[in-house]
PDB file of all heavy atoms in Angstrom:
ATOM      1  N   LEU A   1      20.391   0.497  39.092  1.00  0.00           N
ATOM      2  CA  LEU A   1      21.531  -0.086  38.390  1.00  0.00           C
ATOM      3  C   LEU A   1      22.857   0.453  38.926  1.00  0.00           C
ATOM      4  O   LEU A   1      23.813  -0.299  39.104  1.00  0.00           O
ATOM      5  CB  LEU A   1      21.421   0.212  36.896  1.00  0.00           C
ATOM      6  CG  LEU A   1      22.557  -0.281  36.008  1.00  0.00           C
ATOM      7  CD1 LEU A   1      22.588  -1.805  35.987  1.00  0.00           C
ATOM      8  CD2 LEU A   1      22.384   0.254  34.591  1.00  0.00           C
ATOM      9  N   ALA A   2      22.896   1.754  39.209  1.00  0.00           N
ATOM     10  CA  ALA A   2      24.138   2.392  39.653  1.00  0.00           C
ATOM     11  C   ALA A   2      24.421   2.183  41.135  1.00  0.00           C
ATOM     12  O   ALA A   2      25.523   2.450  41.594  1.00  0.00           O
ATOM     13  CB  ALA A   2      24.090   3.882  39.342  1.00  0.00           C
ATOM     14  N   GLY A   3      23.422   1.751  41.887  1.00  0.00           N
ATOM     15  CA  GLY A   3      23.632   1.553  43.315  1.00  0.00           C
ATOM     16  C   GLY A   3      23.380   2.795  44.143  1.00  0.00           C
ATOM     17  O   GLY A   3      23.825   2.884  45.281  1.00  0.00           O
ATOM     18  N   GLY A   4      22.682   3.762  43.598  1.00  0.00           N
ATOM     19  CA  GLY A   4      22.333   4.965  44.350  1.00  0.00           C
ATOM     20  C   GLY A   4      22.298   6.184  43.463  1.00  0.00           C
ATOM     21  O   GLY A   4      22.900   6.202  42.381  1.00  0.00           O
ATOM     22  N   PRO A   5      21.597   7.223  43.896  1.00  0.00           N
ATOM     23  CA  PRO A   5      21.419   8.414  43.067  1.00  0.00           C
ATOM     24  C   PRO A   5      22.686   9.222  42.834  1.00  0.00           C
ATOM     25  O   PRO A   5      22.803   9.907  41.825  1.00  0.00           O
ATOM     26  CB  PRO A   5      20.374   9.225  43.820  1.00  0.00           C
ATOM     27  CG  PRO A   5      20.481   8.777  45.233  1.00  0.00           C
ATOM     28  CD  PRO A   5      20.880   7.336  45.167  1.00  0.00           C
ATOM     29  N   THR A   6      23.654   9.134  43.740  1.00  0.00           N
ATOM     30  CA  THR A   6      24.867   9.939  43.567  1.00  0.00           C
ATOM     31  C   THR A   6      25.752   9.417  42.444  1.00  0.00           C
ATOM     32  O   THR A   6      26.703  10.078  42.045  1.00  0.00           O
ATOM     33  CB  THR A   6      25.690   9.997  44.871  1.00  0.00           C
ATOM     34  OG1 THR A   6      26.065   8.672  45.239  1.00  0.00           O
ATOM     35  CG2 THR A   6      24.879  10.655  45.983  1.00  0.00           C
ATOM     36  N   ARG A   7      25.416   8.236  41.910  1.00  0.00           N
ATOM     37  CA  ARG A   7      26.196   7.649  40.817  1.00  0.00           C
ATOM     38  C   ARG A   7      25.475   7.775  39.483  1.00  0.00           C
ATOM     39  O   ARG A   7      25.799   7.088  38.532  1.00  0.00           O
ATOM     40  CB  ARG A   7      26.519   6.196  41.133  1.00  0.00           C
ATOM     41  CG  ARG A   7      27.409   6.083  42.393  1.00  0.00           C
ATOM     42  CD  ARG A   7      27.797   4.661  42.698  1.00  0.00           C
ATOM     43  NE  ARG A   7      28.347   3.925  41.579  1.00  0.00           N
ATOM     44  CZ  ARG A   7      29.603   3.955  41.149  1.00  0.00           C
ATOM     45  NH1 ARG A   7      30.479   4.718  41.763  1.00  0.00           N
ATOM     46  NH2 ARG A   7      29.999   3.220  40.128  1.00  0.00           N
ATOM     47  N   VAL A   8      24.459   8.670  39.432  1.00  0.00           N
ATOM     48  CA  VAL A   8      23.697   8.901  38.205  1.00  0.00           C
ATOM     49  C   VAL A   8      23.857  10.358  37.801  1.00  0.00           C
ATOM     50  O   VAL A   8      23.672  11.267  38.612  1.00  0.00           O
ATOM     51  CB  VAL A   8      22.200   8.572  38.396  1.00  0.00           C
ATOM     52  CG1 VAL A   8      21.409   8.890  37.138  1.00  0.00           C
ATOM     53  CG2 VAL A   8      22.019   7.116  38.806  1.00  0.00           C
ATOM     54  N   LEU A   9      24.199  10.573  36.546  1.00  0.00           N
ATOM     55  CA  LEU A   9      24.323  11.917  35.981  1.00  0.00           C
ATOM     56  C   LEU A   9      23.373  12.012  34.802  1.00  0.00           C
ATOM     57  O   LEU A   9      23.369  11.154  33.925  1.00  0.00           O
ATOM     58  CB  LEU A   9      25.752  12.178  35.501  1.00  0.00           C
ATOM     59  CG  LEU A   9      25.984  13.459  34.693  1.00  0.00           C
ATOM     60  CD1 LEU A   9      25.741  14.695  35.553  1.00  0.00           C
ATOM     61  CD2 LEU A   9      27.372  13.478  34.110  1.00  0.00           C
ATOM     62  N   SER A  10      22.516  13.038  34.803  1.00  0.00           N
ATOM     63  CA  SER A  10      21.600  13.228  33.685  1.00  0.00           C
ATOM     64  C   SER A  10      21.913  14.536  32.981  1.00  0.00           C
ATOM     65  O   SER A  10      22.189  15.550  33.613  1.00  0.00           O
ATOM     66  CB  SER A  10      20.147  13.248  34.156  1.00  0.00           C
ATOM     67  OG  SER A  10      19.297  13.436  33.043  1.00  0.00           O
ATOM     68  N   LEU A  11      21.838  14.484  31.672  1.00  0.00           N
ATOM     69  CA  LEU A  11      22.013  15.676  30.857  1.00  0.00           C
ATOM     70  C   LEU A  11      20.675  16.302  30.508  1.00  0.00           C
ATOM     71  O   LEU A  11      20.633  17.426  30.015  1.00  0.00           O
ATOM     72  CB  LEU A  11      22.761  15.321  29.561  1.00  0.00           C
ATOM     73  CG  LEU A  11      24.106  14.630  29.708  1.00  0.00           C
ATOM     74  CD1 LEU A  11      24.671  14.278  28.347  1.00  0.00           C
ATOM     75  CD2 LEU A  11      25.073  15.489  30.501  1.00  0.00           C
ATOM     76  N   VAL A  12      19.576  15.583  30.774  1.00  0.00           N
ATOM     77  CA  VAL A  12      18.276  16.034  30.280  1.00  0.00           C
ATOM     78  C   VAL A  12      17.114  15.897  31.251  1.00  0.00           C
ATOM     79  O   VAL A  12      16.071  16.513  31.041  1.00  0.00           O
ATOM     80  CB  VAL A  12      17.910  15.294  28.970  1.00  0.00           C
ATOM     81  CG1 VAL A  12      18.818  15.717  27.842  1.00  0.00           C
ATOM     82  CG2 VAL A  12      17.957  13.792  29.163  1.00  0.00           C
ATOM     83  N   ALA A  13      17.218  15.107  32.303  1.00  0.00           N
ATOM     84  CA  ALA A  13      16.088  14.856  33.206  1.00  0.00           C
ATOM     85  C   ALA A  13      16.042  15.899  34.319  1.00  0.00           C
ATOM     86  O   ALA A  13      16.170  15.592  35.493  1.00  0.00           O
ATOM     87  CB  ALA A  13      16.167  13.444  33.779  1.00  0.00           C
ATOM     88  N   PHE A  14      15.816  17.141  33.934  1.00  0.00           N
ATOM     89  CA  PHE A  14      15.842  18.239  34.889  1.00  0.00           C
ATOM     90  C   PHE A  14      14.751  18.103  35.953  1.00  0.00           C
ATOM     91  O   PHE A  14      14.893  18.593  37.062  1.00  0.00           O
ATOM     92  CB  PHE A  14      15.701  19.578  34.170  1.00  0.00           C
ATOM     93  CG  PHE A  14      16.731  19.769  33.089  1.00  0.00           C
ATOM     94  CD1 PHE A  14      16.353  19.878  31.768  1.00  0.00           C
ATOM     95  CD2 PHE A  14      18.075  19.800  33.393  1.00  0.00           C
ATOM     96  CE1 PHE A  14      17.297  20.033  30.764  1.00  0.00           C
ATOM     97  CE2 PHE A  14      19.034  19.955  32.408  1.00  0.00           C
ATOM     98  CZ  PHE A  14      18.641  20.070  31.089  1.00  0.00           C
ATOM     99  N   ASP A  15      13.663  17.423  35.636  1.00  0.00           N
ATOM    100  CA  ASP A  15      12.569  17.247  36.588  1.00  0.00           C
ATOM    101  C   ASP A  15      12.868  16.175  37.640  1.00  0.00           C
ATOM    102  O   ASP A  15      12.088  15.974  38.558  1.00  0.00           O
ATOM    103  CB  ASP A  15      11.276  16.906  35.856  1.00  0.00           C
ATOM    104  CG  ASP A  15      11.374  15.631  35.035  1.00  0.00           C
ATOM    105  OD1 ASP A  15      12.505  15.220  34.687  1.00  0.00           O
ATOM    106  OD2 ASP A  15      10.322  15.058  34.732  1.00  0.00           O
ATOM    107  N   ALA A  16      13.996  15.495  37.540  1.00  0.00           N
ATOM    108  CA  ALA A  16      14.337  14.418  38.466  1.00  0.00           C
ATOM    109  C   ALA A  16      15.323  14.849  39.541  1.00  0.00           C
ATOM    110  O   ALA A  16      15.851  14.014  40.258  1.00  0.00           O
ATOM    111  CB  ALA A  16      14.895  13.227  37.687  1.00  0.00           C
ATOM    112  N   VAL A  17      15.541  16.136  39.683  1.00  0.00           N
ATOM    113  CA  VAL A  17      16.517  16.617  40.665  1.00  0.00           C
ATOM    114  C   VAL A  17      16.144  16.192  42.083  1.00  0.00           C
ATOM    115  O   VAL A  17      17.009  15.957  42.914  1.00  0.00           O
ATOM    116  CB  VAL A  17      16.700  18.150  40.545  1.00  0.00           C
ATOM    117  CG1 VAL A  17      15.483  18.895  41.034  1.00  0.00           C
ATOM    118  CG2 VAL A  17      17.948  18.600  41.285  1.00  0.00           C
ATOM    119  N   SER A  18      14.872  16.027  42.372  1.00  0.00           N
ATOM    120  CA  SER A  18      14.441  15.636  43.712  1.00  0.00           C
ATOM    121  C   SER A  18      14.866  14.217  44.077  1.00  0.00           C
ATOM    122  O   SER A  18      14.827  13.837  45.244  1.00  0.00           O
ATOM    123  CB  SER A  18      12.922  15.772  43.837  1.00  0.00           C
ATOM    124  OG  SER A  18      12.283  14.866  42.957  1.00  0.00           O
ATOM    125  N   THR A  19      15.289  13.414  43.112  1.00  0.00           N
ATOM    126  CA  THR A  19      15.721  12.047  43.384  1.00  0.00           C
ATOM    127  C   THR A  19      17.131  11.990  43.963  1.00  0.00           C
ATOM    128  O   THR A  19      17.558  10.954  44.441  1.00  0.00           O
ATOM    129  CB  THR A  19      15.689  11.185  42.103  1.00  0.00           C
ATOM    130  OG1 THR A  19      16.650  11.710  41.178  1.00  0.00           O
ATOM    131  CG2 THR A  19      14.304  11.149  41.482  1.00  0.00           C
ATOM    132  N   GLY A  20      17.848  13.097  43.871  1.00  0.00           N
ATOM    133  CA  GLY A  20      19.217  13.126  44.366  1.00  0.00           C
ATOM    134  C   GLY A  20      20.262  12.859  43.308  1.00  0.00           C
ATOM    135  O   GLY A  20      21.451  12.820  43.606  1.00  0.00           O
ATOM    136  N   ILE A  21      19.834  12.661  42.058  1.00  0.00           N
ATOM    137  CA  ILE A  21      20.802  12.448  40.995  1.00  0.00           C
ATOM    138  C   ILE A  21      21.511  13.755  40.676  1.00  0.00           C
ATOM    139  O   ILE A  21      21.056  14.830  41.058  1.00  0.00           O
ATOM    140  CB  ILE A  21      20.150  11.876  39.716  1.00  0.00           C
ATOM    141  CG1 ILE A  21      19.205  12.902  39.077  1.00  0.00           C
ATOM    142  CG2 ILE A  21      19.454  10.559  39.995  1.00  0.00           C
ATOM    143  CD1 ILE A  21      18.746  12.541  37.686  1.00  0.00           C
ATOM    144  N   GLN A  22      22.614  13.635  39.970  1.00  0.00           N
ATOM    145  CA  GLN A  22      23.345  14.814  39.521  1.00  0.00           C
ATOM    146  C   GLN A  22      22.773  15.260  38.176  1.00  0.00           C
ATOM    147  O   GLN A  22      22.522  14.443  37.300  1.00  0.00           O
ATOM    148  CB  GLN A  22      24.824  14.484  39.356  1.00  0.00           C
ATOM    149  CG  GLN A  22      25.488  14.024  40.632  1.00  0.00           C
ATOM    150  CD  GLN A  22      26.905  13.597  40.376  1.00  0.00           C
ATOM    151  OE1 GLN A  22      27.723  14.369  39.892  1.00  0.00           O
ATOM    152  NE2 GLN A  22      27.210  12.353  40.691  1.00  0.00           N
ATOM    153  N   ILE A  23      22.555  16.535  38.048  1.00  0.00           N
ATOM    154  CA  ILE A  23      22.048  17.104  36.805  1.00  0.00           C
ATOM    155  C   ILE A  23      23.133  17.994  36.235  1.00  0.00           C
ATOM    156  O   ILE A  23      23.684  18.838  36.929  1.00  0.00           O
ATOM    157  CB  ILE A  23      20.777  17.963  37.041  1.00  0.00           C
ATOM    158  CG1 ILE A  23      19.709  17.172  37.789  1.00  0.00           C
ATOM    159  CG2 ILE A  23      20.258  18.528  35.735  1.00  0.00           C
ATOM    160  CD1 ILE A  23      19.035  16.104  36.992  1.00  0.00           C
ATOM    161  N   HIS A  24      23.440  17.799  34.967  1.00  0.00           N
ATOM    162  CA  HIS A  24      24.416  18.660  34.299  1.00  0.00           C
ATOM    163  C   HIS A  24      23.663  19.637  33.415  1.00  0.00           C
ATOM    164  O   HIS A  24      22.970  19.227  32.492  1.00  0.00           O
ATOM    165  CB  HIS A  24      25.401  17.852  33.462  1.00  0.00           C
ATOM    166  CG  HIS A  24      26.382  18.700  32.723  1.00  0.00           C
ATOM    167  ND1 HIS A  24      27.429  19.313  33.362  1.00  0.00           N
ATOM    168  CD2 HIS A  24      26.436  19.089  31.442  1.00  0.00           C
ATOM    169  CE1 HIS A  24      28.108  20.027  32.480  1.00  0.00           C
ATOM    170  NE2 HIS A  24      27.522  19.908  31.307  1.00  0.00           N
ATOM    171  N   MET A  25      23.751  20.905  33.753  1.00  0.00           N
ATOM    172  CA  MET A  25      23.103  21.939  32.953  1.00  0.00           C
ATOM    173  C   MET A  25      24.166  22.922  32.490  1.00  0.00           C
ATOM    174  O   MET A  25      25.092  23.237  33.231  1.00  0.00           O
ATOM    175  CB  MET A  25      22.052  22.694  33.775  1.00  0.00           C
ATOM    176  CG  MET A  25      20.863  21.849  34.147  1.00  0.00           C
ATOM    177  SD  MET A  25      19.564  22.785  34.950  1.00  0.00           S
ATOM    178  CE  MET A  25      20.216  22.956  36.601  1.00  0.00           C
ATOM    179  N   THR A  26      24.011  23.400  31.300  1.00  0.00           N
ATOM    180  CA  THR A  26      24.945  24.377  30.776  1.00  0.00           C
ATOM    181  C   THR A  26      24.237  25.263  29.773  1.00  0.00           C
ATOM    182  O   THR A  26      23.284  24.849  29.133  1.00  0.00           O
ATOM    183  CB  THR A  26      26.162  23.701  30.119  1.00  0.00           C
ATOM    184  OG1 THR A  26      27.076  24.697  29.688  1.00  0.00           O
ATOM    185  CG2 THR A  26      25.775  22.848  28.941  1.00  0.00           C
ATOM    186  N   GLU A  27      24.690  26.472  29.672  1.00  0.00           N
ATOM    187  CA  GLU A  27      24.189  27.365  28.636  1.00  0.00           C
ATOM    188  C   GLU A  27      24.967  27.056  27.364  1.00  0.00           C
ATOM    189  O   GLU A  27      26.097  26.569  27.429  1.00  0.00           O
ATOM    190  CB  GLU A  27      24.413  28.821  29.053  1.00  0.00           C
ATOM    191  CG  GLU A  27      23.594  29.224  30.264  1.00  0.00           C
ATOM    192  CD  GLU A  27      23.863  30.667  30.669  1.00  0.00           C
ATOM    193  OE1 GLU A  27      24.312  31.458  29.829  1.00  0.00           O
ATOM    194  OE2 GLU A  27      23.628  30.982  31.837  1.00  0.00           O
ATOM    195  N   PRO A  28      24.377  27.316  26.217  1.00  0.00           N
ATOM    196  CA  PRO A  28      25.096  27.042  24.973  1.00  0.00           C
ATOM    197  C   PRO A  28      26.498  27.665  24.990  1.00  0.00           C
ATOM    198  O   PRO A  28      26.658  28.845  25.278  1.00  0.00           O
ATOM    199  CB  PRO A  28      24.218  27.679  23.897  1.00  0.00           C
ATOM    200  CG  PRO A  28      22.847  27.683  24.503  1.00  0.00           C
ATOM    201  CD  PRO A  28      23.069  27.896  25.990  1.00  0.00           C
ATOM    202  N   GLY A  29      27.491  26.846  24.749  1.00  0.00           N
ATOM    203  CA  GLY A  29      28.866  27.321  24.691  1.00  0.00           C
ATOM    204  C   GLY A  29      29.531  27.496  26.044  1.00  0.00           C
ATOM    205  O   GLY A  29      30.718  27.775  26.115  1.00  0.00           O
ATOM    206  N   ALA A  30      28.800  27.293  27.150  1.00  0.00           N
ATOM    207  CA  ALA A  30      29.357  27.523  28.486  1.00  0.00           C
ATOM    208  C   ALA A  30      29.777  26.206  29.122  1.00  0.00           C
ATOM    209  O   ALA A  30      29.063  25.631  29.916  1.00  0.00           O
ATOM    210  CB  ALA A  30      28.345  28.241  29.367  1.00  0.00           C
ATOM    211  N   GLY A  31      30.928  25.716  28.771  1.00  0.00           N
ATOM    212  CA  GLY A  31      31.448  24.505  29.392  1.00  0.00           C
ATOM    213  C   GLY A  31      31.044  23.222  28.694  1.00  0.00           C
ATOM    214  O   GLY A  31      31.530  22.160  29.056  1.00  0.00           O
ATOM    215  N   GLY A  32      30.153  23.283  27.731  1.00  0.00           N
ATOM    216  CA  GLY A  32      29.714  22.087  27.023  1.00  0.00           C
ATOM    217  C   GLY A  32      30.844  21.333  26.372  1.00  0.00           C
ATOM    218  O   GLY A  32      30.979  20.113  26.559  1.00  0.00           O
ATOM    219  N   PRO A  33      31.706  22.007  25.601  1.00  0.00           N
ATOM    220  CA  PRO A  33      32.820  21.292  24.975  1.00  0.00           C
ATOM    221  C   PRO A  33      33.747  20.632  25.996  1.00  0.00           C
ATOM    222  O   PRO A  33      34.190  19.507  25.792  1.00  0.00           O
ATOM    223  CB  PRO A  33      33.545  22.386  24.189  1.00  0.00           C
ATOM    224  CG  PRO A  33      32.462  23.375  23.872  1.00  0.00           C
ATOM    225  CD  PRO A  33      31.584  23.377  25.103  1.00  0.00           C
ATOM    226  N   GLU A  34      34.015  21.303  27.105  1.00  0.00           N
ATOM    227  CA  GLU A  34      34.874  20.712  28.129  1.00  0.00           C
ATOM    228  C   GLU A  34      34.206  19.489  28.752  1.00  0.00           C
ATOM    229  O   GLU A  34      34.856  18.462  28.987  1.00  0.00           O
ATOM    230  CB  GLU A  34      35.209  21.728  29.217  1.00  0.00           C
ATOM    231  CG  GLU A  34      36.106  21.159  30.296  1.00  0.00           C
ATOM    232  CD  GLU A  34      36.416  22.150  31.407  1.00  0.00           C
ATOM    233  OE1 GLU A  34      36.067  23.329  31.295  1.00  0.00           O
ATOM    234  OE2 GLU A  34      37.002  21.703  32.398  1.00  0.00           O
ATOM    235  N   ALA A  35      32.904  19.587  29.014  1.00  0.00           N
ATOM    236  CA  ALA A  35      32.181  18.448  29.582  1.00  0.00           C
ATOM    237  C   ALA A  35      32.232  17.260  28.635  1.00  0.00           C
ATOM    238  O   ALA A  35      32.441  16.119  29.070  1.00  0.00           O
ATOM    239  CB  ALA A  35      30.734  18.838  29.879  1.00  0.00           C
ATOM    240  N   LEU A  36      32.057  17.503  27.347  1.00  0.00           N
ATOM    241  CA  LEU A  36      32.126  16.410  26.375  1.00  0.00           C
ATOM    242  C   LEU A  36      33.521  15.797  26.325  1.00  0.00           C
ATOM    243  O   LEU A  36      33.665  14.578  26.205  1.00  0.00           O
ATOM    244  CB  LEU A  36      31.696  16.897  24.995  1.00  0.00           C
ATOM    245  CG  LEU A  36      30.207  17.216  24.865  1.00  0.00           C
ATOM    246  CD1 LEU A  36      29.921  17.807  23.490  1.00  0.00           C
ATOM    247  CD2 LEU A  36      29.355  15.989  25.111  1.00  0.00           C
ATOM    248  N   ARG A  37      34.561  16.625  26.442  1.00  0.00           N
ATOM    249  CA  ARG A  37      35.932  16.088  26.472  1.00  0.00           C
ATOM    250  C   ARG A  37      36.123  15.203  27.707  1.00  0.00           C
ATOM    251  O   ARG A  37      36.763  14.150  27.645  1.00  0.00           O
ATOM    252  CB  ARG A  37      36.958  17.217  26.451  1.00  0.00           C
ATOM    253  CG  ARG A  37      37.191  17.811  25.066  1.00  0.00           C
ATOM    254  CD  ARG A  37      38.390  18.735  25.035  1.00  0.00           C
ATOM    255  NE  ARG A  37      38.215  19.927  25.851  1.00  0.00           N
ATOM    256  CZ  ARG A  37      37.596  21.040  25.445  1.00  0.00           C
ATOM    257  NH1 ARG A  37      37.106  21.103  24.223  1.00  0.00           N
ATOM    258  NH2 ARG A  37      37.479  22.073  26.247  1.00  0.00           N
TER     259      ARG A  37
END
């Protein structure tokens, strides 16, 4: 749908990193509020 893996961001599909998508990981309180903004 996005036209390629570099245009996909996942907040939860950590097992899909091999596809080339972007994974957003954060520790509780570490950048989460800024990411949501």
